[in-house]
Structures are given as structure tokens and as C-alpha cells.
PDB file of N, CA and C in Angstrom:
ATOM      1  N   MET A   1     -83.629 -37.661  -3.774  1.00  0.00           N
ATOM      2  CA  MET A   1     -82.846 -36.344  -3.855  1.00  0.00           C
ATOM      3  C   MET A   1     -82.876 -36.432  -5.534  1.00  0.00           C
ATOM      4  N   LYS A   2     -83.273 -37.205  -6.247  1.00  0.00           N
ATOM      5  CA  LYS A   2     -83.111 -37.571  -7.419  1.00  0.00           C
ATOM      6  C   LYS A   2     -84.540 -36.482  -8.335  1.00  0.00           C
ATOM      7  N   ASN A   3     -85.752 -36.579  -7.796  1.00  0.00           N
ATOM      8  CA  ASN A   3     -86.974 -35.600  -7.303  1.00  0.00           C
ATOM      9  C   ASN A   3     -86.618 -34.175  -7.192  1.00  0.00           C
ATOM     10  N   TYR A   4     -85.982 -33.936  -6.166  1.00  0.00           N
ATOM     11  CA  TYR A   4     -85.184 -32.670  -6.291  1.00  0.00           C
ATOM     12  C   TYR A   4     -85.340 -32.052  -7.381  1.00  0.00           C
ATOM     13  N   THR A   5     -84.237 -32.945  -7.853  1.00  0.00           N
ATOM     14  CA  THR A   5     -83.022 -32.725  -9.482  1.00  0.00           C
ATOM     15  C   THR A   5     -83.460 -32.063 -10.959  1.00  0.00           C
ATOM     16  N   ILE A   6     -84.701 -32.395 -10.538  1.00  0.00           N
ATOM     17  CA  ILE A   6     -85.569 -33.404 -11.335  1.00  0.00           C
ATOM     18  C   ILE A   6     -86.516 -31.697 -11.666  1.00  0.00           C
ATOM     19  N   VAL A   7     -86.758 -31.161 -10.432  1.00  0.00           N
ATOM     20  CA  VAL A   7     -88.384 -30.665 -10.694  1.00  0.00           C
ATOM     21  C   VAL A   7     -86.836 -28.675 -11.278  1.00  0.00           C
ATOM     22  N   PHE A   8     -86.344 -28.664  -9.606  1.00  0.00           N
ATOM     23  CA  PHE A   8     -84.893 -27.996 -10.286  1.00  0.00           C
ATOM     24  C   PHE A   8     -84.287 -27.481 -11.613  1.00  0.00           C
ATOM     25  N   ILE A   9     -84.315 -28.675 -12.178  1.00  0.00           N
ATOM     26  CA  ILE A   9     -84.344 -28.246 -13.658  1.00  0.00           C
ATOM     27  C   ILE A   9     -85.126 -27.680 -14.286  1.00  0.00           C
ATOM     28  N   GLY A  10     -85.938 -28.878 -14.006  1.00  0.00           N
ATOM     29  CA  GLY A  10     -87.923 -27.997 -15.114  1.00  0.00           C
ATOM     30  C   GLY A  10     -87.923 -26.668 -14.899  1.00  0.00           C
ATOM     31  N   GLY A  11     -87.852 -26.211 -13.197  1.00  0.00           N
ATOM     32  CA  GLY A  11     -88.175 -24.779 -12.795  1.00  0.00           C
ATOM     33  C   GLY A  11     -86.840 -23.849 -13.479  1.00  0.00           C
ATOM     34  N   MET A  12     -85.988 -24.569 -13.943  1.00  0.00           N
ATOM     35  CA  MET A  12     -85.358 -23.408 -14.234  1.00  0.00           C
ATOM     36  C   MET A  12     -85.655 -23.666 -16.157  1.00  0.00           C
ATOM     37  N   VAL A  13     -85.774 -24.387 -16.810  1.00  0.00           N
ATOM     38  CA  VAL A  13     -86.830 -24.422 -18.244  1.00  0.00           C
ATOM     39  C   VAL A  13     -87.564 -23.611 -18.290  1.00  0.00           C
ATOM     40  N   GLY A  14     -88.514 -23.727 -17.036  1.00  0.00           N
ATOM     41  CA  GLY A  14     -89.711 -22.730 -17.456  1.00  0.00           C
ATOM     42  C   GLY A  14     -89.667 -21.148 -16.904  1.00  0.00           C
ATOM     43  N   ALA A  15     -89.091 -21.206 -15.810  1.00  0.00           N
ATOM     44  CA  ALA A  15     -88.939 -19.811 -15.727  1.00  0.00           C
ATOM     45  C   ALA A  15     -87.876 -19.163 -16.891  1.00  0.00           C
ATOM     46  N   THR A  16     -87.167 -19.814 -17.564  1.00  0.00           N
ATOM     47  CA  THR A  16     -86.635 -19.048 -18.703  1.00  0.00           C
ATOM     48  C   THR A  16     -88.020 -18.820 -19.687  1.00  0.00           C
ATOM     49  N   LEU A  17     -88.334 -19.971 -20.167  1.00  0.00           N
ATOM     50  CA  LEU A  17     -89.264 -19.825 -21.355  1.00  0.00           C
ATOM     51  C   LEU A  17     -90.273 -18.551 -20.933  1.00  0.00           C
ATOM     52  N   ARG A  18     -90.787 -18.192 -19.336  1.00  0.00           N
ATOM     53  CA  ARG A  18     -91.259 -17.642 -18.516  1.00  0.00           C
ATOM     54  C   ARG A  18     -91.013 -15.835 -19.179  1.00  0.00           C
ATOM     55  N   PHE A  19     -89.589 -15.871 -18.619  1.00  0.00           N
ATOM     56  CA  PHE A  19     -88.640 -14.710 -19.280  1.00  0.00           C
ATOM     57  C   PHE A  19     -88.480 -14.763 -20.919  1.00  0.00           C
ATOM     58  N   LEU A  20     -88.791 -15.660 -21.586  1.00  0.00           N
ATOM     59  CA  LEU A  20     -88.866 -15.200 -22.885  1.00  0.00           C
ATOM     60  C   LEU A  20     -89.851 -14.539 -23.263  1.00  0.00           C
ATOM     61  N   VAL A  21     -91.174 -15.089 -22.915  1.00  0.00           N
ATOM     62  CA  VAL A  21     -92.302 -14.876 -23.094  1.00  0.00           C
ATOM     63  C   VAL A  21     -92.271 -13.633 -22.882  1.00  0.00           C
ATOM     64  N   GLN A  22     -92.084 -12.747 -21.338  1.00  0.00           N
ATOM     65  CA  GLN A  22     -91.960 -11.324 -20.643  1.00  0.00           C
ATOM     66  C   GLN A  22     -91.279 -10.831 -21.795  1.00  0.00           C
ATOM     67  N   SER A  23     -89.906 -11.320 -22.450  1.00  0.00           N
ATOM     68  CA  SER A  23     -89.275  -9.928 -23.551  1.00  0.00           C
ATOM     69  C   SER A  23     -89.955 -10.125 -24.819  1.00  0.00           C
ATOM     70  N   LEU A  24     -91.325 -10.981 -25.121  1.00  0.00           N
ATOM     71  CA  LEU A  24     -91.140 -10.828 -25.827  1.00  0.00           C
ATOM     72  C   LEU A  24     -93.236 -10.153 -26.120  1.00  0.00           C
ATOM     73  N   THR A  25     -93.604  -9.760 -25.143  1.00  0.00           N
ATOM     74  CA  THR A  25     -95.008  -9.049 -24.467  1.00  0.00           C
ATOM     75  C   THR A  25     -94.620  -8.465 -23.339  1.00  0.00           C
ATOM     76  N   ASN A  26     -95.820  -7.094 -23.104  1.00  0.00           N
ATOM     77  CA  ASN A  26     -95.828  -6.580 -22.170  1.00  0.00           C
ATOM     78  C   ASN A  26     -96.755  -7.393 -21.210  1.00  0.00           C
ATOM     79  N   THR A  27     -96.141  -7.125 -19.820  1.00  0.00           N
ATOM     80  CA  THR A  27     -96.587  -7.352 -18.583  1.00  0.00           C
ATOM     81  C   THR A  27     -97.979  -8.055 -18.375  1.00  0.00           C
ATOM     82  N   TYR A  28     -98.611  -7.525 -18.245  1.00  0.00           N
ATOM     83  CA  TYR A  28     -99.523  -7.407 -18.894  1.00  0.00           C
ATOM     84  C   TYR A  28    -100.262  -9.029 -19.528  1.00  0.00           C
ATOM     85  N   LEU A  29     -99.979  -8.843 -20.789  1.00  0.00           N
ATOM     86  CA  LEU A  29    -100.643 -10.168 -21.545  1.00  0.00           C
ATOM     87  C   LEU A  29     -99.224 -11.084 -21.211  1.00  0.00           C
ATOM     88  N   MET A  30     -98.351 -10.511 -21.077  1.00  0.00           N
ATOM     89  CA  MET A  30     -97.192 -12.062 -20.446  1.00  0.00           C
ATOM     90  C   MET A  30     -98.216 -12.986 -19.449  1.00  0.00           C
ATOM     91  N   LEU A  31     -98.849 -12.664 -18.412  1.00  0.00           N
ATOM     92  CA  LEU A  31     -99.704 -13.147 -17.352  1.00  0.00           C
ATOM     93  C   LEU A  31    -100.956 -14.177 -18.137  1.00  0.00           C
ATOM     94  N   TRP A  32    -102.151 -13.161 -19.236  1.00  0.00           N
ATOM     95  CA  TRP A  32    -102.442 -13.786 -19.499  1.00  0.00           C
ATOM     96  C   TRP A  32    -102.080 -15.347 -20.344  1.00  0.00           C
ATOM     97  N   ILE A  33    -100.593 -14.838 -21.613  1.00  0.00           N
ATOM     98  CA  ILE A  33    -100.602 -16.157 -22.228  1.00  0.00           C
ATOM     99  C   ILE A  33    -100.077 -17.413 -21.757  1.00  0.00           C
ATOM    100  N   ALA A  34     -98.602 -17.030 -20.266  1.00  0.00           N
ATOM    101  CA  ALA A  34     -98.185 -17.838 -19.800  1.00  0.00           C
ATOM    102  C   ALA A  34     -99.089 -19.006 -19.070  1.00  0.00           C
ATOM    103  N   ASN A  35    -100.063 -18.243 -18.565  1.00  0.00           N
ATOM    104  CA  ASN A  35    -100.816 -18.746 -17.701  1.00  0.00           C
ATOM    105  C   ASN A  35    -102.652 -19.410 -18.404  1.00  0.00           C
ATOM    106  N   LEU A  36    -102.717 -19.299 -20.011  1.00  0.00           N
ATOM    107  CA  LEU A  36    -103.543 -19.873 -20.470  1.00  0.00           C
ATOM    108  C   LEU A  36    -102.890 -21.168 -21.274  1.00  0.00           C
ATOM    109  N   ILE A  37    -101.459 -20.793 -21.663  1.00  0.00           N
ATOM    110  CA  ILE A  37    -100.987 -21.732 -21.914  1.00  0.00           C
ATOM    111  C   ILE A  37    -100.333 -23.235 -21.443  1.00  0.00           C
ATOM    112  N   GLY A  38     -99.845 -22.642 -19.754  1.00  0.00           N
ATOM    113  CA  GLY A  38     -99.359 -23.612 -18.833  1.00  0.00           C
ATOM    114  C   GLY A  38    -100.610 -24.383 -18.309  1.00  0.00           C
ATOM    115  N   SER A  39    -101.809 -23.746 -18.412  1.00  0.00           N
ATOM    116  CA  SER A  39    -102.776 -24.540 -17.879  1.00  0.00           C
ATOM    117  C   SER A  39    -103.414 -25.625 -19.112  1.00  0.00           C
ATOM    118  N   PHE A  40    -102.983 -24.543 -19.983  1.00  0.00           N
ATOM    119  CA  PHE A  40    -103.741 -26.294 -21.417  1.00  0.00           C
ATOM    120  C   PHE A  40    -102.751 -27.028 -21.013  1.00  0.00           C
ATOM    121  N   LEU A  41    -101.255 -27.193 -20.885  1.00  0.00           N
ATOM    122  CA  LEU A  41    -100.514 -27.807 -21.431  1.00  0.00           C
ATOM    123  C   LEU A  41    -100.550 -28.719 -19.630  1.00  0.00           C
ATOM    124  N   LEU A  42    -100.967 -28.059 -18.995  1.00  0.00           N
ATOM    125  CA  LEU A  42    -100.733 -29.018 -17.792  1.00  0.00           C
ATOM    126  C   LEU A  42    -101.965 -30.032 -17.835  1.00  0.00           C
ATOM    127  N   GLY A  43    -102.996 -29.486 -18.004  1.00  0.00           N
ATOM    128  CA  GLY A  43    -104.244 -30.733 -18.485  1.00  0.00           C
ATOM    129  C   GLY A  43    -103.837 -31.353 -19.498  1.00  0.00           C
ATOM    130  N   THR A  44    -103.078 -30.714 -20.636  1.00  0.00           N
ATOM    131  CA  THR A  44    -102.593 -32.141 -21.423  1.00  0.00           C
ATOM    132  C   THR A  44    -102.086 -33.073 -20.654  1.00  0.00           C
ATOM    133  N   LEU A  45    -100.816 -32.958 -20.075  1.00  0.00           N
ATOM    134  CA  LEU A  45     -99.706 -33.579 -19.461  1.00  0.00           C
ATOM    135  C   LEU A  45    -100.820 -34.641 -18.598  1.00  0.00           C
ATOM    136  N   ASN A  46    -101.021 -33.876 -17.536  1.00  0.00           N
ATOM    137  CA  ASN A  46    -102.250 -34.647 -16.642  1.00  0.00           C
ATOM    138  C   ASN A  46    -102.999 -35.724 -17.998  1.00  0.00           C
ATOM    139  N   GLY A  47    -103.233 -35.470 -18.717  1.00  0.00           N
ATOM    140  CA  GLY A  47    -104.345 -36.221 -19.472  1.00  0.00           C
ATOM    141  C   GLY A  47    -103.307 -37.593 -19.937  1.00  0.00           C
ATOM    142  N   VAL A  48    -101.767 -37.526 -20.290  1.00  0.00           N
ATOM    143  CA  VAL A  48    -101.299 -38.110 -21.178  1.00  0.00           C
ATOM    144  C   VAL A  48    -100.606 -38.716 -19.982  1.00  0.00           C
ATOM    145  N   PHE A  49    -100.142 -38.560 -18.392  1.00  0.00           N
ATOM    146  CA  PHE A  49     -99.792 -39.357 -17.655  1.00  0.00           C
ATOM    147  C   PHE A  49    -100.828 -40.336 -16.981  1.00  0.00           C
ATOM    148  N   ASN A  50    -102.477 -40.006 -17.169  1.00  0.00           N
ATOM    149  CA  ASN A  50    -103.264 -40.511 -16.766  1.00  0.00           C
ATOM    150  C   ASN A  50    -103.594 -42.227 -17.764  1.00  0.00           C
ATOM    151  N   LYS A  51    -102.800 -42.228 -18.605  1.00  0.00           N
ATOM    152  CA  LYS A  51    -102.313 -43.398 -19.371  1.00  0.00           C
ATOM    153  C   LYS A  51    -101.029 -43.710 -18.911  1.00  0.00           C
ATOM    154  N   LYS A  52     -99.829 -43.221 -18.501  1.00  0.00           N
ATOM    155  CA  LYS A  52     -98.886 -44.035 -18.974  1.00  0.00           C
ATOM    156  C   LYS A  52     -97.920 -42.882 -17.824  1.00  0.00           C
ATOM    157  N   GLU A  53     -97.191 -43.884 -16.910  1.00  0.00           N
ATOM    158  CA  GLU A  53     -97.135 -43.236 -15.642  1.00  0.00           C
ATOM    159  C   GLU A  53     -95.341 -42.805 -15.985  1.00  0.00           C
ATOM    160  N   ASN A  54     -95.253 -41.958 -15.566  1.00  0.00           N
ATOM    161  CA  ASN A  54     -93.240 -41.551 -15.691  1.00  0.00           C
ATOM    162  C   ASN A  54     -93.041 -40.902 -15.009  1.00  0.00           C
ATOM    163  N   GLU A  55     -92.888 -40.950 -13.599  1.00  0.00           N
ATOM    164  CA  GLU A  55     -93.224 -40.187 -13.024  1.00  0.00           C
ATOM    165  C   GLU A  55     -91.746 -39.175 -12.759  1.00  0.00           C
ATOM    166  N   THR A  56     -90.707 -39.411 -13.408  1.00  0.00           N
ATOM    167  CA  THR A  56     -89.880 -38.633 -13.880  1.00  0.00           C
ATOM    168  C   THR A  56     -89.782 -37.217 -15.084  1.00  0.00           C
ATOM    169  N   LEU A  57     -90.299 -37.708 -15.608  1.00  0.00           N
ATOM    170  CA  LEU A  57     -90.309 -36.684 -16.596  1.00  0.00           C
ATOM    171  C   LEU A  57     -92.202 -35.924 -16.165  1.00  0.00           C
ATOM    172  N   LYS A  58     -92.971 -36.245 -15.774  1.00  0.00           N
ATOM    173  CA  LYS A  58     -94.176 -36.136 -15.165  1.00  0.00           C
ATOM    174  C   LYS A  58     -93.662 -34.479 -13.528  1.00  0.00           C
ATOM    175  N   LEU A  59     -92.766 -34.960 -13.392  1.00  0.00           N
ATOM    176  CA  LEU A  59     -91.724 -34.319 -12.494  1.00  0.00           C
ATOM    177  C   LEU A  59     -91.319 -32.946 -12.982  1.00  0.00           C
ATOM    178  N   PHE A  60     -90.787 -33.423 -13.417  1.00  0.00           N
ATOM    179  CA  PHE A  60     -89.871 -32.088 -14.718  1.00  0.00           C
ATOM    180  C   PHE A  60     -90.865 -31.322 -15.161  1.00  0.00           C
ATOM    181  N   LEU A  61     -92.188 -32.046 -16.177  1.00  0.00           N
ATOM    182  CA  LEU A  61     -93.263 -31.122 -16.860  1.00  0.00           C
ATOM    183  C   LEU A  61     -93.510 -30.221 -16.369  1.00  0.00           C
ATOM    184  N   THR A  62     -94.634 -31.154 -15.655  1.00  0.00           N
ATOM    185  CA  THR A  62     -95.171 -30.023 -14.535  1.00  0.00           C
ATOM    186  C   THR A  62     -95.341 -29.423 -12.801  1.00  0.00           C
ATOM    187  N   THR A  63     -94.641 -30.415 -12.340  1.00  0.00           N
ATOM    188  CA  THR A  63     -93.901 -29.508 -10.971  1.00  0.00           C
ATOM    189  C   THR A  63     -93.159 -28.483 -11.331  1.00  0.00           C
ATOM    190  N   GLY A  64     -91.633 -28.936 -11.712  1.00  0.00           N
ATOM    191  CA  GLY A  64     -90.439 -28.110 -12.563  1.00  0.00           C
ATOM    192  C   GLY A  64     -91.161 -26.940 -13.877  1.00  0.00           C
ATOM    193  N   MET A  65     -91.307 -27.377 -15.013  1.00  0.00           N
ATOM    194  CA  MET A  65     -91.275 -26.549 -15.796  1.00  0.00           C
ATOM    195  C   MET A  65     -92.976 -25.708 -15.803  1.00  0.00           C
ATOM    196  N   LEU A  66     -93.709 -26.221 -15.960  1.00  0.00           N
ATOM    197  CA  LEU A  66     -95.518 -25.496 -15.866  1.00  0.00           C
ATOM    198  C   LEU A  66     -94.805 -24.702 -14.392  1.00  0.00           C
ATOM    199  N   GLY A  67     -95.047 -25.452 -13.635  1.00  0.00           N
ATOM    200  CA  GLY A  67     -94.470 -24.959 -12.157  1.00  0.00           C
ATOM    201  C   GLY A  67     -94.341 -23.645 -12.014  1.00  0.00           C
ATOM    202  N   ALA A  68     -92.904 -23.126 -12.685  1.00  0.00           N
ATOM    203  CA  ALA A  68     -91.913 -22.222 -12.681  1.00  0.00           C
ATOM    204  C   ALA A  68     -92.282 -21.226 -14.032  1.00  0.00           C
ATOM    205  N   PHE A  69     -93.068 -21.567 -15.229  1.00  0.00           N
ATOM    206  CA  PHE A  69     -93.644 -20.886 -16.280  1.00  0.00           C
ATOM    207  C   PHE A  69     -94.666 -20.413 -16.002  1.00  0.00           C
ATOM    208  N   THR A  70     -95.802 -20.603 -15.253  1.00  0.00           N
ATOM    209  CA  THR A  70     -97.210 -20.284 -14.551  1.00  0.00           C
ATOM    210  C   THR A  70     -97.157 -19.836 -12.913  1.00  0.00           C
ATOM    211  N   THR A  71     -96.339 -19.018 -12.657  1.00  0.00           N
ATOM    212  CA  THR A  71     -96.662 -18.966 -10.795  1.00  0.00           C
ATOM    213  C   THR A  71     -97.771 -18.071 -10.548  1.00  0.00           C
ATOM    214  N   PHE A  72     -98.520 -18.562  -9.753  1.00  0.00           N
ATOM    215  CA  PHE A  72     -99.504 -18.438  -8.920  1.00  0.00           C
ATOM    216  C   PHE A  72     -99.814 -16.261  -8.298  1.00  0.00           C
ATOM    217  N   SER A  73     -98.229 -16.426  -7.585  1.00  0.00           N
ATOM    218  CA  SER A  73     -97.953 -15.476  -6.844  1.00  0.00           C
ATOM    219  C   SER A  73     -97.701 -13.934  -8.329  1.00  0.00           C
ATOM    220  N   THR A  74     -97.438 -14.687  -9.519  1.00  0.00           N
ATOM    221  CA  THR A  74     -97.751 -13.141 -10.012  1.00  0.00           C
ATOM    222  C   THR A  74     -99.186 -12.832 -11.029  1.00  0.00           C
ATOM    223  N   PHE A  75    -100.053 -13.823 -11.122  1.00  0.00           N
ATOM    224  CA  PHE A  75    -101.355 -13.443 -10.875  1.00  0.00           C
ATOM    225  C   PHE A  75    -101.659 -13.057  -9.601  1.00  0.00           C
ATOM    226  N   SER A  76    -101.771 -13.222  -8.887  1.00  0.00           N
ATOM    227  CA  SER A  76    -102.199 -12.985  -6.920  1.00  0.00           C
ATOM    228  C   SER A  76    -101.250 -11.502  -7.103  1.00  0.00           C
ATOM    229  N   GLU A  77    -100.510 -11.202  -7.445  1.00  0.00           N
ATOM    230  CA  GLU A  77    -100.353  -9.963  -7.455  1.00  0.00           C
ATOM    231  C   GLU A  77    -100.440  -9.142  -8.004  1.00  0.00           C
ATOM    232  N   GLU A  78    -101.042  -9.111  -9.570  1.00  0.00           N
ATOM    233  CA  GLU A  78    -102.190  -8.727 -11.168  1.00  0.00           C
ATOM    234  C   GLU A  78    -103.429  -8.510 -10.033  1.00  0.00           C
ATOM    235  N   TRP A  79    -103.736  -9.402  -9.721  1.00  0.00           N
ATOM    236  CA  TRP A  79    -105.723  -9.213  -9.239  1.00  0.00           C
ATOM    237  C   TRP A  79    -105.415  -8.144  -8.027  1.00  0.00           C
ATOM    238  N   PHE A  80    -104.197  -8.221  -6.925  1.00  0.00           N
ATOM    239  CA  PHE A  80    -104.517  -7.614  -6.334  1.00  0.00           C
ATOM    240  C   PHE A  80    -104.143  -5.649  -6.663  1.00  0.00           C
ATOM    241  N   PHE A  81    -103.551  -5.700  -7.502  1.00  0.00           N
ATOM    242  CA  PHE A  81    -103.601  -4.375  -8.584  1.00  0.00           C
ATOM    243  C   PHE A  81    -104.939  -4.394  -9.123  1.00  0.00           C
ATOM    244  N   GLN A  82    -105.676  -4.906  -9.736  1.00  0.00           N
ATOM    245  CA  GLN A  82    -106.637  -4.986 -10.512  1.00  0.00           C
ATOM    246  C   GLN A  82    -108.002  -3.905  -8.946  1.00  0.00           C
ATOM    247  N   LEU A  83    -107.890  -5.420  -8.234  1.00  0.00           N
ATOM    248  CA  LEU A  83    -108.925  -4.706  -7.137  1.00  0.00           C
ATOM    249  C   LEU A  83    -108.725  -3.529  -6.041  1.00  0.00           C
ATOM    250  N   ARG A  84    -107.372  -3.134  -6.465  1.00  0.00           N
ATOM    251  CA  ARG A  84    -106.931  -1.381  -5.527  1.00  0.00           C
ATOM    252  C   ARG A  84    -107.506  -0.552  -6.513  1.00  0.00           C
ATOM    253  N   GLU A  85    -107.367  -0.784  -7.681  1.00  0.00           N
ATOM    254  CA  GLU A  85    -107.427   0.265  -8.752  1.00  0.00           C
ATOM    255  C   GLU A  85    -108.874   0.206  -9.264  1.00  0.00           C
ATOM    256  N   ASN A  86    -109.590  -0.758  -9.122  1.00  0.00           N
ATOM    257  CA  ASN A  86    -111.532  -1.096  -9.436  1.00  0.00           C
ATOM    258  C   ASN A  86    -111.694  -2.264  -8.902  1.00  0.00           C
ATOM    259  N   VAL A  87    -112.507  -2.324  -8.078  1.00  0.00           N
ATOM    260  CA  VAL A  87    -112.922  -3.690  -7.340  1.00  0.00           C
ATOM    261  C   VAL A  87    -113.323  -4.629  -8.281  1.00  0.00           C
ATOM    262  N   MET A  88    -114.502  -3.502  -8.867  1.00  0.00           N
ATOM    263  CA  MET A  88    -115.442  -4.603 -10.405  1.00  0.00           C
ATOM    264  C   MET A  88    -114.030  -4.612 -10.967  1.00  0.00           C
ATOM    265  N   VAL A  89    -113.567  -4.325 -11.819  1.00  0.00           N
ATOM    266  CA  VAL A  89    -112.825  -4.613 -12.920  1.00  0.00           C
ATOM    267  C   VAL A  89    -111.288  -5.799 -12.300  1.00  0.00           C
ATOM    268  N   GLY A  90    -110.826  -6.007 -10.840  1.00  0.00           N
ATOM    269  CA  GLY A  90    -110.402  -6.447 -10.090  1.00  0.00           C
ATOM    270  C   GLY A  90    -111.511  -7.810  -9.567  1.00  0.00           C
ATOM    271  N   ILE A  91    -112.522  -8.640  -9.571  1.00  0.00           N
ATOM    272  CA  ILE A  91    -113.708  -9.109  -9.963  1.00  0.00           C
ATOM    273  C   ILE A  91    -113.673  -9.688 -11.207  1.00  0.00           C
ATOM    274  N   LEU A  92    -113.721  -8.780 -12.374  1.00  0.00           N
ATOM    275  CA  LEU A  92    -114.054  -9.553 -13.297  1.00  0.00           C
ATOM    276  C   LEU A  92    -112.427 -10.018 -13.574  1.00  0.00           C
ATOM    277  N   PHE A  93    -111.384  -9.532 -13.564  1.00  0.00           N
ATOM    278  CA  PHE A  93    -110.388 -10.073 -14.317  1.00  0.00           C
ATOM    279  C   PHE A  93    -109.830 -11.623 -13.216  1.00  0.00           C
ATOM    280  N   GLY A  94    -110.282 -11.366 -11.937  1.00  0.00           N
ATOM    281  CA  GLY A  94    -109.907 -12.397 -11.109  1.00  0.00           C
ATOM    282  C   GLY A  94    -110.793 -14.228 -11.929  1.00  0.00           C
ATOM    283  N   THR A  95    -111.949 -13.457 -11.812  1.00  0.00           N
ATOM    284  CA  THR A  95    -113.190 -14.544 -12.432  1.00  0.00           C
ATOM    285  C   THR A  95    -112.637 -15.107 -13.589  1.00  0.00           C
ATOM    286  N   ILE A  96    -112.207 -14.090 -14.568  1.00  0.00           N
ATOM    287  CA  ILE A  96    -112.068 -14.596 -16.062  1.00  0.00           C
ATOM    288  C   ILE A  96    -110.550 -14.936 -16.291  1.00  0.00           C
ATOM    289  N   MET A  97    -109.915 -14.988 -15.607  1.00  0.00           N
ATOM    290  CA  MET A  97    -109.002 -15.220 -15.689  1.00  0.00           C
ATOM    291  C   MET A  97    -108.873 -16.825 -14.790  1.00  0.00           C
ATOM    292  N   THR A  98    -109.625 -17.004 -13.682  1.00  0.00           N
ATOM    293  CA  THR A  98    -109.072 -18.419 -13.506  1.00  0.00           C
ATOM    294  C   THR A  98    -110.194 -19.233 -14.200  1.00  0.00           C
ATOM    295  N   VAL A  99    -111.234 -19.159 -14.544  1.00  0.00           N
ATOM    296  CA  VAL A  99    -112.132 -19.385 -15.081  1.00  0.00           C
ATOM    297  C   VAL A  99    -111.209 -20.176 -16.566  1.00  0.00           C
ATOM    298  N   SER A 100    -110.673 -19.354 -17.197  1.00  0.00           N
ATOM    299  CA  SER A 100    -109.977 -19.744 -18.379  1.00  0.00           C
ATOM    300  C   SER A 100    -109.735 -20.553 -18.919  1.00  0.00           C
ATOM    301  N   CYS A 101    -108.256 -20.180 -17.526  1.00  0.00           N
ATOM    302  CA  CYS A 101    -107.510 -21.184 -17.152  1.00  0.00           C
ATOM    303  C   CYS A 101    -107.601 -22.524 -16.782  1.00  0.00           C
ATOM    304  N   PHE A 102    -108.870 -22.948 -16.101  1.00  0.00           N
ATOM    305  CA  PHE A 102    -109.136 -24.643 -15.698  1.00  0.00           C
ATOM    306  C   PHE A 102    -110.546 -24.254 -16.823  1.00  0.00           C
ATOM    307  N   VAL A 103    -110.833 -23.736 -17.943  1.00  0.00           N
ATOM    308  CA  VAL A 103    -111.164 -24.151 -19.338  1.00  0.00           C
ATOM    309  C   VAL A 103    -110.613 -24.745 -20.298  1.00  0.00           C
ATOM    310  N   VAL A 104    -109.400 -24.000 -20.467  1.00  0.00           N
ATOM    311  CA  VAL A 104    -107.937 -24.918 -21.493  1.00  0.00           C
ATOM    312  C   VAL A 104    -107.976 -26.066 -20.710  1.00  0.00           C
ATOM    313  N   SER A 105    -107.709 -25.834 -19.374  1.00  0.00           N
ATOM    314  CA  SER A 105    -106.706 -26.805 -18.692  1.00  0.00           C
ATOM    315  C   SER A 105    -107.831 -28.112 -18.972  1.00  0.00           C
ATOM    316  N   PHE A 106    -109.163 -27.889 -19.161  1.00  0.00           N
ATOM    317  CA  PHE A 106    -109.488 -29.584 -19.127  1.00  0.00           C
ATOM    318  C   PHE A 106    -110.163 -29.958 -20.195  1.00  0.00           C
ATOM    319  N   LEU A 107    -109.939 -28.594 -21.279  1.00  0.00           N
ATOM    320  CA  LEU A 107    -109.802 -28.619 -22.670  1.00  0.00           C
ATOM    321  C   LEU A 107    -108.750 -29.602 -23.359  1.00  0.00           C
ATOM    322  N   GLY A 108    -107.914 -29.661 -22.787  1.00  0.00           N
ATOM    323  CA  GLY A 108    -106.482 -30.118 -23.289  1.00  0.00           C
ATOM    324  C   GLY A 108    -106.178 -31.590 -22.322  1.00  0.00           C
ATOM    325  N   TYR A 109    -107.276 -31.635 -21.019  1.00  0.00           N
ATOM    326  CA  TYR A 109    -106.835 -33.252 -20.582  1.00  0.00           C
ATOM    327  C   TYR A 109    -107.812 -33.794 -21.044  1.00  0.00           C
ATOM    328  N   ARG A 110    -109.043 -33.487 -21.882  1.00  0.00           N
ATOM    329  CA  ARG A 110    -110.470 -33.971 -22.873  1.00  0.00           C
ATOM    330  C   ARG A 110    -109.395 -34.601 -24.221  1.00  0.00           C
ATOM    331  N   ILE A 111    -108.661 -33.379 -25.139  1.00  0.00           N
ATOM    332  CA  ILE A 111    -107.854 -34.064 -26.177  1.00  0.00           C
ATOM    333  C   ILE A 111    -107.131 -35.050 -25.631  1.00  0.00           C
ATOM    334  N   VAL A 112    -106.961 -34.901 -25.058  1.00  0.00           N
ATOM    335  CA  VAL A 112    -105.496 -36.465 -24.691  1.00  0.00           C
ATOM    336  C   VAL A 112    -106.502 -37.200 -24.502  1.00  0.00           C
ATOM    337  N   GLN A 113    -107.611 -36.924 -23.978  1.00  0.00           N
ATOM    338  CA  GLN A 113    -108.116 -38.390 -22.978  1.00  0.00           C
ATOM    339  C   GLN A 113    -109.002 -38.833 -24.464  1.00  0.00           C
ATOM    340  N   GLY A 114    -109.335 -38.318 -25.548  1.00  0.00           N
ATOM    341  CA  GLY A 114    -110.421 -38.061 -26.730  1.00  0.00           C
ATOM    342  C   GLY A 114    -111.491 -38.388 -26.596  1.00  0.00           C
ATOM    343  N   GLU A 115    -112.293 -37.500 -25.667  1.00  0.00           N
ATOM    344  CA  GLU A 115    -113.560 -37.474 -25.463  1.00  0.00           C
ATOM    345  C   GLU A 115    -113.910 -36.518 -25.708  1.00  0.00           C
ATOM    346  N   ARG A 116    -114.826 -35.660 -26.087  1.00  0.00           N
ATOM    347  CA  ARG A 116    -115.319 -34.455 -26.153  1.00  0.00           C
ATOM    348  C   ARG A 116    -115.986 -34.341 -25.392  1.00  0.00           C
TER     349      ARG A 116
END
């Protein structure tokens, strides 16, 4: 039950942070900001927790907070919208978002691991 509570609290923090970003930017830009920042932080945290285990903090930050901050459903909705409007733009959008999130996640992980 403790882990559920930790994830729940982290999710509340992440959702609140996402709402803050959304209130400061337009929806389209918010998606890029949230996903790139969240992916970078997730990669970084995976590198940190790879060195030192703290399951409670890891659940709070990764599954809870970043899980709520970067929701795949919002990305999927925007991708579907782009595909409906213009298939090529939709394919480009989905590819660039996916690859860029992977790249920043990988960079965050490598930075913490001390590798270049």
C-alpha cells in the first residue's frame, strides 16, 4: 500500500507541474516542453538510481511525478490530430517527437553515468 501512496502523491505533483507548464504556454508547445524535459529527467534519474537504489524515491519521481507530467495519451492525441490533418506532417511529428525524447533521455542517462 505504501508504494501506491508514493506513486499517487508523485502523480499529483507531476500533474500540477504539467498544468503549470500548460498555463504558461500553448497546448502544442506544452507537449514538447513536458515531453522533452520529462524524458531528460527520466533518463537522468534512471542513471542516478542505477548507481544507488532507493525504490521509494524512484517510484515517487519516475512512475508518479514524471508519469503524470509526460502523458503518452496527450502525445497520441496530438499525433492522431496531425495525421488527420496531413499524413506526412503527422508522420514527421510522431517521428521527431519520439526520436527527440529518446535522445534527451539517453543524454540525461549518459551525463549522470559520466560517459560521453
